[in-house]
Amino acid sequence: MTMEPIRVLIVDDHQLMVEGLKSLLEDEEDIAFVAGANSMAEALSFLNSNTIDVIL
């Protein structure tokens, strides 16, 4: 039984944090980094047209 990866959106106003967390998550087979956002407004806009399982 193959499960879909957990889809993750990372939100932080520091791009370095987004990139750091992204690099950690990319090593995990069962986690899919979907996008990074630098503000809550940007994240909400992204969520209007995308499905995410976890927001960090």
N, C-alpha and C. Protein backbone atom coordinates (compact mmCIF):
# COMPACT_ATOMS: atom_id res chain seq x y z
N MET A 1 0.84 -1.18 0.00
CA MET A 1 0.00 0.00 0.00
C MET A 1 0.89 1.25 0.00
N THR A 2 0.79 2.03 -1.04
CA THR A 2 1.57 3.25 -1.16
C THR A 2 0.73 4.44 -0.72
N MET A 3 1.26 5.19 0.23
CA MET A 3 0.54 6.37 0.72
C MET A 3 1.07 7.61 0.02
N GLU A 4 0.19 8.58 -0.12
CA GLU A 4 0.59 9.87 -0.68
C GLU A 4 1.50 10.57 0.33
N PRO A 5 2.49 11.31 -0.16
CA PRO A 5 3.34 12.05 0.78
C PRO A 5 2.56 13.17 1.47
N ILE A 6 3.00 13.53 2.65
CA ILE A 6 2.42 14.64 3.39
C ILE A 6 2.84 15.93 2.71
N ARG A 7 1.88 16.74 2.30
CA ARG A 7 2.15 17.98 1.57
C ARG A 7 2.33 19.13 2.57
N VAL A 8 3.48 19.81 2.49
CA VAL A 8 3.85 20.82 3.48
C VAL A 8 4.03 22.19 2.85
N LEU A 9 3.47 23.19 3.51
CA LEU A 9 3.69 24.60 3.17
C LEU A 9 4.45 25.22 4.34
N ILE A 10 5.55 25.90 4.05
CA ILE A 10 6.34 26.57 5.09
C ILE A 10 6.11 28.07 4.99
N VAL A 11 5.75 28.69 6.13
CA VAL A 11 5.51 30.13 6.17
C VAL A 11 6.46 30.76 7.19
N ASP A 12 7.28 31.68 6.72
CA ASP A 12 8.19 32.42 7.61
C ASP A 12 8.62 33.69 6.89
N ASP A 13 8.74 34.77 7.63
CA ASP A 13 9.14 36.03 6.99
C ASP A 13 10.65 36.10 6.74
N HIS A 14 11.38 35.08 7.16
CA HIS A 14 12.81 34.99 6.86
C HIS A 14 13.03 33.88 5.83
N GLN A 15 13.42 34.25 4.64
CA GLN A 15 13.60 33.28 3.55
C GLN A 15 14.61 32.20 3.92
N LEU A 16 15.62 32.55 4.71
CA LEU A 16 16.63 31.57 5.13
C LEU A 16 16.00 30.44 5.94
N MET A 17 15.02 30.76 6.77
CA MET A 17 14.31 29.72 7.54
C MET A 17 13.51 28.82 6.61
N VAL A 18 12.85 29.41 5.63
CA VAL A 18 12.08 28.61 4.67
C VAL A 18 13.02 27.65 3.94
N GLU A 19 14.14 28.15 3.47
CA GLU A 19 15.09 27.32 2.74
C GLU A 19 15.70 26.24 3.62
N GLY A 20 16.00 26.57 4.88
CA GLY A 20 16.56 25.59 5.80
C GLY A 20 15.60 24.46 6.10
N LEU A 21 14.35 24.79 6.39
CA LEU A 21 13.35 23.76 6.65
C LEU A 21 13.08 22.94 5.40
N LYS A 22 13.05 23.60 4.26
CA LYS A 22 12.86 22.90 2.99
C LYS A 22 13.95 21.86 2.78
N SER A 23 15.20 22.22 3.03
CA SER A 23 16.29 21.28 2.81
C SER A 23 16.20 20.09 3.76
N LEU A 24 15.72 20.30 4.98
CA LEU A 24 15.53 19.19 5.91
C LEU A 24 14.41 18.26 5.45
N LEU A 25 13.32 18.84 4.97
CA LEU A 25 12.17 18.04 4.56
C LEU A 25 12.41 17.28 3.27
N GLU A 26 13.24 17.79 2.40
CA GLU A 26 13.48 17.14 1.11
C GLU A 26 14.15 15.78 1.26
N ASP A 27 14.78 15.52 2.40
CA ASP A 27 15.41 14.23 2.64
C ASP A 27 14.41 13.15 3.05
N GLU A 28 13.20 13.55 3.37
CA GLU A 28 12.18 12.61 3.83
C GLU A 28 11.34 12.13 2.65
N GLU A 29 11.23 10.82 2.50
CA GLU A 29 10.49 10.25 1.38
C GLU A 29 8.98 10.46 1.50
N ASP A 30 8.47 10.51 2.73
CA ASP A 30 7.03 10.60 2.92
C ASP A 30 6.53 12.03 3.12
N ILE A 31 7.40 13.01 2.86
CA ILE A 31 7.04 14.42 2.98
C ILE A 31 7.35 15.14 1.67
N ALA A 32 6.39 15.92 1.19
CA ALA A 32 6.59 16.69 -0.04
C ALA A 32 6.51 18.18 0.28
N PHE A 33 7.63 18.89 0.13
CA PHE A 33 7.62 20.34 0.26
C PHE A 33 6.87 20.87 -0.96
N VAL A 34 5.79 21.60 -0.72
CA VAL A 34 4.98 22.11 -1.82
C VAL A 34 5.34 23.55 -2.15
N ALA A 35 5.49 24.37 -1.10
CA ALA A 35 5.79 25.78 -1.34
C ALA A 35 6.24 26.45 -0.05
N GLY A 36 6.85 27.61 -0.25
CA GLY A 36 7.22 28.47 0.86
C GLY A 36 6.55 29.82 0.68
N ALA A 37 6.16 30.42 1.78
CA ALA A 37 5.53 31.74 1.74
C ALA A 37 6.22 32.64 2.76
N ASN A 38 6.35 33.91 2.41
CA ASN A 38 7.03 34.85 3.30
C ASN A 38 6.08 35.70 4.14
N SER A 39 4.78 35.47 4.00
CA SER A 39 3.80 36.20 4.80
C SER A 39 2.51 35.38 4.89
N MET A 40 1.68 35.72 5.87
CA MET A 40 0.40 35.03 6.00
C MET A 40 -0.48 35.31 4.79
N ALA A 41 -0.44 36.53 4.27
CA ALA A 41 -1.24 36.87 3.09
C ALA A 41 -0.84 36.00 1.90
N GLU A 42 0.46 35.82 1.72
CA GLU A 42 0.96 34.98 0.63
C GLU A 42 0.52 33.53 0.84
N ALA A 43 0.57 33.05 2.08
CA ALA A 43 0.16 31.68 2.38
C ALA A 43 -1.33 31.49 2.12
N LEU A 44 -2.15 32.44 2.55
CA LEU A 44 -3.59 32.33 2.34
C LEU A 44 -3.94 32.35 0.86
N SER A 45 -3.25 33.16 0.09
CA SER A 45 -3.46 33.20 -1.35
C SER A 45 -3.13 31.85 -1.97
N PHE A 46 -2.03 31.26 -1.53
CA PHE A 46 -1.62 29.95 -2.04
C PHE A 46 -2.65 28.88 -1.67
N LEU A 47 -3.16 28.95 -0.44
CA LEU A 47 -4.12 27.95 0.03
C LEU A 47 -5.46 28.01 -0.68
N ASN A 48 -5.78 29.14 -1.30
CA ASN A 48 -7.03 29.26 -2.04
C ASN A 48 -7.10 28.31 -3.22
N SER A 49 -5.95 27.91 -3.75
CA SER A 49 -5.95 27.05 -4.94
C SER A 49 -5.11 25.79 -4.79
N ASN A 50 -4.69 25.46 -3.57
CA ASN A 50 -3.85 24.29 -3.35
C ASN A 50 -4.28 23.56 -2.08
N THR A 51 -4.03 22.25 -2.06
CA THR A 51 -4.33 21.44 -0.90
C THR A 51 -3.04 21.14 -0.16
N ILE A 52 -3.04 21.43 1.13
CA ILE A 52 -1.87 21.25 1.98
C ILE A 52 -2.29 20.42 3.19
N ASP A 53 -1.41 19.53 3.65
CA ASP A 53 -1.69 18.74 4.85
C ASP A 53 -1.16 19.41 6.11
N VAL A 54 0.02 20.05 6.00
CA VAL A 54 0.68 20.64 7.16
C VAL A 54 1.22 22.01 6.79
N ILE A 55 1.05 22.97 7.70
CA ILE A 55 1.64 24.30 7.53
C ILE A 55 2.61 24.50 8.69
N LEU A 56 3.85 24.83 8.34
CA LEU A 56 4.86 25.12 9.36
C LEU A 56 5.14 26.61 9.33
